Protein backbone atom coordinates (compact mmCIF):
# COMPACT_ATOMS: atom_id res chain seq x y z
CA MET A 1 87.02 8.82 -59.88
CA SER A 2 88.95 10.08 -63.16
CA GLU A 3 88.70 13.55 -63.99
CA GLU A 4 90.20 13.14 -67.53
CA ILE A 5 88.33 14.35 -70.97
CA ILE A 6 88.71 12.35 -73.62
CA GLN A 7 88.42 13.61 -76.81
CA SER A 8 89.69 11.28 -79.27
CA ARG A 9 87.57 8.81 -80.94
CA GLN A 10 90.77 6.92 -81.33
CA ASN A 11 91.35 6.88 -77.19
CA PRO A 12 91.65 2.96 -76.20
CA ARG A 13 88.94 3.43 -73.63
CA ILE A 14 86.94 4.94 -76.13
CA GLN A 15 87.21 2.09 -78.55
CA ALA A 16 86.72 -0.49 -75.97
CA VAL A 17 83.51 0.73 -75.20
CA ALA A 18 82.48 0.88 -78.96
CA ARG A 19 83.40 -2.65 -79.24
CA LEU A 20 80.78 -4.09 -76.83
CA ARG A 21 78.35 -3.13 -79.38
CA ASP A 22 79.21 -6.83 -80.88
CA ARG A 23 77.88 -9.74 -78.81
CA PRO A 24 81.16 -11.73 -78.79
CA GLU A 25 82.64 -8.68 -77.21
CA ARG A 26 79.58 -8.74 -74.50
CA GLU A 27 79.86 -12.24 -73.72
CA SER A 28 83.48 -12.34 -73.46
CA ARG A 29 83.92 -9.70 -71.40
CA GLY A 30 80.74 -9.82 -69.53
CA LEU A 31 79.78 -6.25 -70.04
CA PHE A 32 77.27 -4.38 -71.86
CA ILE A 33 75.87 -0.80 -72.57
CA ALA A 34 73.55 1.12 -70.89
CA GLU A 35 72.91 4.39 -72.92
CA GLY A 36 70.89 7.28 -72.37
CA LEU A 37 69.04 9.35 -68.96
CA ARG A 38 66.33 7.07 -68.43
CA GLU A 39 68.10 3.60 -69.60
CA LEU A 40 71.33 4.39 -67.06
CA GLY A 41 69.06 6.03 -64.24
CA ARG A 42 66.57 2.91 -63.80
CA ALA A 43 69.78 0.49 -63.78
CA PHE A 44 71.08 2.58 -61.33
CA GLU A 45 67.72 2.63 -59.45
CA LYS A 46 67.63 -1.20 -59.75
CA LYS A 47 71.50 -1.79 -58.16
CA ILE A 48 73.02 -2.99 -61.19
CA LYS A 49 76.55 -3.45 -61.30
CA ILE A 50 77.70 -0.21 -63.26
CA GLU A 51 81.54 0.04 -63.80
CA GLU A 52 81.98 3.17 -65.59
CA VAL A 53 79.74 6.29 -66.57
CA TYR A 54 80.81 8.29 -69.99
CA PHE A 55 79.04 11.68 -70.06
CA CYS A 56 79.26 14.67 -72.55
CA PRO A 57 77.61 17.98 -70.71
CA GLU A 58 77.38 19.59 -73.97
CA MET A 59 74.58 16.67 -75.03
CA PHE A 60 72.74 17.02 -71.82
CA ARG A 61 69.15 17.87 -72.41
CA GLY A 62 68.53 19.11 -68.50
CA SER A 63 69.47 19.43 -65.46
CA GLU A 64 68.84 15.25 -64.65
CA ALA A 65 71.86 13.96 -66.72
CA ALA A 66 74.43 16.21 -64.55
CA GLU A 67 72.53 14.91 -61.36
CA LEU A 68 72.78 11.44 -62.06
CA VAL A 69 76.96 11.61 -62.99
CA THR A 70 76.85 13.21 -59.13
CA ARG A 71 74.73 10.47 -57.65
CA CYS A 72 76.95 8.10 -59.45
CA ARG A 73 80.30 9.60 -58.34
CA ALA A 74 78.86 9.23 -55.08
CA GLU A 75 78.98 5.82 -55.02
CA ARG A 76 82.33 5.81 -56.24
CA ILE A 77 81.26 4.70 -59.69
CA ILE A 78 84.33 5.87 -62.77
CA CYS A 79 82.72 9.01 -64.38
CA CYS A 80 84.77 9.94 -67.42
CA GLU A 81 83.64 13.32 -69.60
CA VAL A 82 84.52 12.85 -72.93
CA GLY A 83 83.97 15.50 -76.02
CA ARG A 84 81.23 15.18 -78.43
CA SER A 85 83.16 13.09 -81.33
CA ALA A 86 84.29 10.92 -78.38
CA PHE A 87 80.81 9.88 -77.12
CA GLU A 88 79.15 9.70 -80.59
CA LYS A 89 81.78 6.72 -81.79
CA MET A 90 80.45 4.82 -78.61
CA SER A 91 76.93 5.74 -79.02
CA GLY A 92 74.53 3.96 -81.44
CA ARG A 93 71.61 6.40 -81.34
CA GLU A 94 70.72 9.42 -83.52
CA GLY A 95 70.72 12.55 -81.12
CA PRO A 96 72.07 10.82 -78.53
CA ASP A 97 71.71 12.37 -74.83
CA GLY A 98 75.41 12.52 -73.45
CA LEU A 99 75.29 9.84 -70.99
CA LEU A 100 76.32 5.99 -71.21
CA GLY A 101 77.34 3.21 -69.06
CA VAL A 102 78.95 0.24 -68.97
CA ALA A 103 77.67 -2.23 -66.64
CA LYS A 104 78.43 -6.29 -65.64
CA THR A 105 75.84 -8.67 -67.36
CA TRP A 106 74.12 -11.03 -64.89
CA ASP A 107 72.94 -14.26 -64.51
CA CYS A 108 69.93 -15.40 -66.71
CA SER A 109 69.84 -19.17 -65.97
CA LEU A 110 66.55 -20.74 -65.31
CA ALA A 111 67.99 -21.52 -61.76
CA GLN A 112 67.98 -17.85 -60.76
CA LEU A 113 64.35 -17.39 -61.16
CA LYS A 114 61.97 -17.29 -57.95
CA LEU A 115 58.39 -17.64 -58.86
CA SER A 116 55.16 -16.48 -57.18
CA SER A 117 52.57 -18.85 -56.06
CA SER A 118 50.75 -18.57 -59.21
CA PRO A 119 53.10 -17.60 -61.57
CA LEU A 120 52.57 -15.99 -65.00
CA LEU A 121 55.51 -16.22 -67.31
CA LEU A 122 56.01 -14.86 -71.02
CA VAL A 123 58.22 -17.76 -73.22
CA ALA A 124 59.48 -16.05 -76.54
CA GLU A 125 61.31 -18.36 -79.06
CA SER A 126 63.89 -17.34 -81.43
CA VAL A 127 62.84 -13.69 -81.39
CA GLU A 128 65.12 -11.70 -83.96
CA LYS A 129 64.68 -8.28 -83.75
CA PRO A 130 66.27 -6.21 -80.74
CA GLY A 131 63.33 -3.86 -80.96
CA ASN A 132 60.68 -6.80 -80.73
CA LEU A 133 62.78 -8.15 -77.64
CA GLY A 134 63.05 -4.86 -75.75
CA ALA A 135 59.11 -4.35 -76.35
CA LEU A 136 58.79 -7.83 -75.01
CA LEU A 137 60.26 -7.07 -71.64
CA ARG A 138 58.08 -3.59 -71.64
CA THR A 139 55.27 -5.33 -71.95
CA ALA A 140 56.27 -8.13 -69.41
CA ASP A 141 56.78 -5.61 -67.06
CA SER A 142 53.80 -3.99 -67.44
CA ALA A 143 51.76 -6.79 -66.73
CA GLY A 144 53.54 -7.77 -63.86
CA CYS A 145 55.20 -11.01 -65.32
CA ASP A 146 57.06 -13.08 -63.22
CA ALA A 147 59.19 -13.64 -65.77
CA LEU A 148 60.77 -13.88 -69.39
CA ILE A 149 61.79 -16.56 -70.80
CA ILE A 150 63.96 -16.31 -74.14
CA CYS A 151 64.11 -19.62 -75.78
CA ASP A 152 67.14 -20.28 -78.65
CA PRO A 153 67.74 -16.78 -78.62
CA VAL A 154 68.68 -15.05 -82.05
CA THR A 155 69.51 -11.70 -80.49
CA ASP A 156 70.70 -11.11 -76.77
CA VAL A 157 69.33 -9.75 -73.95
CA PHE A 158 72.02 -7.23 -73.61
CA ASN A 159 72.26 -5.90 -77.06
CA PRO A 160 72.20 -2.02 -76.83
CA ASN A 161 69.21 -1.82 -78.86
CA VAL A 162 67.07 -4.24 -76.63
CA VAL A 163 68.36 -2.24 -73.53
CA ARG A 164 66.80 1.05 -75.06
CA SER A 165 63.62 -0.55 -76.73
CA SER A 166 62.82 -2.12 -73.39
CA GLN A 167 63.57 1.66 -71.95
CA GLY A 168 65.03 0.11 -68.79
CA ALA A 169 62.40 -2.82 -68.43
CA VAL A 170 65.31 -5.10 -69.14
CA PHE A 171 66.87 -4.17 -65.69
CA SER A 172 63.33 -4.98 -63.74
CA VAL A 173 62.10 -8.19 -65.26
CA PRO A 174 63.63 -11.55 -64.33
CA VAL A 175 64.97 -13.26 -67.36
CA ALA A 176 66.37 -16.63 -68.09
CA VAL A 177 68.03 -17.56 -71.26
CA CYS A 178 68.06 -21.32 -72.38
CA SER A 179 67.03 -23.73 -75.13
CA SER A 180 63.20 -24.83 -76.13
CA THR A 181 63.93 -28.48 -74.19
CA GLU A 182 65.26 -26.87 -71.03
CA ALA A 183 62.39 -24.37 -70.80
CA ALA A 184 59.99 -26.96 -71.43
CA ALA A 185 61.49 -29.46 -68.63
CA TRP A 186 61.70 -26.77 -66.13
CA LEU A 187 58.12 -25.65 -66.68
CA ARG A 188 57.07 -29.19 -66.26
CA ALA A 189 58.82 -29.53 -63.08
CA ASN A 190 57.08 -26.49 -61.85
CA LYS A 191 53.91 -27.46 -62.83
CA ILE A 192 53.19 -24.65 -64.87
CA LYS A 193 50.56 -24.69 -67.59
CA THR A 194 51.57 -23.72 -71.18
CA LEU A 195 49.59 -22.26 -73.77
CA ALA A 196 51.20 -21.77 -77.21
CA THR A 197 49.78 -18.82 -79.34
CA THR A 198 48.97 -19.89 -83.13
CA PRO A 199 46.65 -18.93 -85.75
CA ALA A 200 45.78 -22.74 -86.16
CA ALA A 201 44.28 -22.70 -82.64
CA THR A 202 40.32 -23.60 -82.56
CA LYS A 203 39.99 -21.65 -79.03
CA THR A 204 40.39 -18.06 -78.50
CA PHE A 205 43.06 -16.24 -76.06
CA TRP A 206 40.12 -15.62 -73.74
CA GLU A 207 38.54 -18.89 -73.55
CA VAL A 208 41.08 -20.48 -71.87
CA ASP A 209 41.95 -20.22 -67.83
CA ALA A 210 44.99 -18.44 -67.42
CA LYS A 211 44.59 -17.87 -63.46
CA THR A 212 46.33 -20.90 -62.63
CA PRO A 213 50.22 -21.06 -63.25
CA THR A 214 50.47 -20.51 -66.57
CA ALA A 215 53.33 -19.78 -69.32
CA LEU A 216 52.46 -17.98 -72.54
CA LEU A 217 54.03 -19.14 -75.56
CA LEU A 218 55.16 -17.01 -78.54
CA GLY A 219 57.44 -17.81 -81.69
CA SER A 220 59.62 -15.91 -84.04
CA GLU A 221 58.26 -12.68 -86.30
CA LYS A 222 58.72 -15.02 -89.30
CA ASP A 223 57.80 -18.44 -88.26
CA GLY A 224 55.68 -18.18 -85.15
CA LEU A 225 56.31 -21.11 -82.79
CA SER A 226 58.21 -24.40 -83.59
CA ASP A 227 56.58 -27.73 -83.88
CA PHE A 228 58.39 -28.60 -80.40
CA TRP A 229 55.99 -26.12 -78.84
CA LEU A 230 53.09 -26.63 -80.50
CA LYS A 231 52.92 -30.11 -80.00
CA GLY A 232 53.90 -30.08 -76.41
CA ALA A 233 51.63 -26.98 -75.38
CA ASP A 234 49.14 -28.13 -72.71
CA GLU A 235 46.81 -25.88 -74.89
CA LYS A 236 46.99 -23.66 -78.12
CA ILE A 237 45.10 -20.36 -78.35
CA SER A 238 44.49 -17.86 -81.25
CA ILE A 239 43.95 -14.12 -81.69
CA PRO A 240 41.53 -13.89 -83.69
CA GLN A 241 42.30 -11.81 -87.05
CA ALA A 242 39.53 -9.97 -89.19
CA GLY A 243 41.91 -8.42 -91.86
CA LEU A 244 43.78 -9.73 -94.54
CA SER A 245 47.04 -10.13 -91.83
CA ASP A 246 47.11 -13.19 -89.94
CA SER A 247 49.29 -12.28 -87.39
CA LEU A 248 50.41 -9.34 -85.52
CA ASN A 249 53.69 -7.94 -84.15
CA VAL A 250 55.11 -10.05 -81.40
CA SER A 251 55.03 -7.73 -78.87
CA MET A 252 51.61 -6.57 -79.63
CA ALA A 253 50.34 -10.30 -79.37
CA ALA A 254 52.03 -10.79 -76.21
CA ALA A 255 50.34 -7.55 -74.62
CA ILE A 256 47.05 -8.73 -76.10
CA VAL A 257 47.37 -12.25 -74.37
CA LEU A 258 49.02 -11.11 -71.22
CA PHE A 259 46.71 -8.63 -70.51
CA GLU A 260 43.69 -11.04 -70.66
CA ALA A 261 45.82 -13.17 -68.26
CA VAL A 262 46.18 -10.25 -65.93
CA ARG A 263 42.17 -9.55 -66.70
CA GLN A 264 41.18 -12.98 -65.33
CA ARG A 265 43.38 -12.90 -62.37
CA ARG A 266 42.02 -9.63 -61.14
CA LYS A 267 38.43 -10.62 -61.32
């Protein structure tokens, strides 16, 4: 446990944490940032390996932040107090709450996924925006998905903005990252039906059976699903649009089709 108080933005430790905002740095060091009371607290609860915690008491918004620091110290996690300027150097947020953890990344291979007897999976291809990927994690968590499979990723799951927008769901939803080819082969091997979302589908999302092992496929914000998935899917489904728009935000579309699957399974 360290008792030093770091004030300088140029301190090597502060700069090393700030560099974790860049993907190559995260990947080379196997570390990422979990910032905020909610996110860090959920990482702690889910037994994520937290290497260090940085805290700025003058930014705390209540007693819970100090209590979390005490709990981390009790678990022998290195905790370091920093000044406001130093904390702002590490933080990527407006109005940070004074808590930031550095945690170890984990295995995101398909091999580590554990499936239920009738799995429900969400497959996202080439999602670009960290906020959307984080929202997909929240949606998958709320729907009780067995896993989120991220194919041909544009942004990585350990991006600080993904962690933030997931509101900690990144720590509870099993995630696999792979190519579309690998995902398709794995789904076939596990006898999981694939339902591809596309405006061109003739069936609506409520007309297909999602009670059996099912993977719901969604594409990028800009282009939707690639031909690889559209041609290879077992069925295609659409979400009817009544207005001028022909598509929804990817996380909203995911919520609609996922919770129809949940409804069917509960019925």
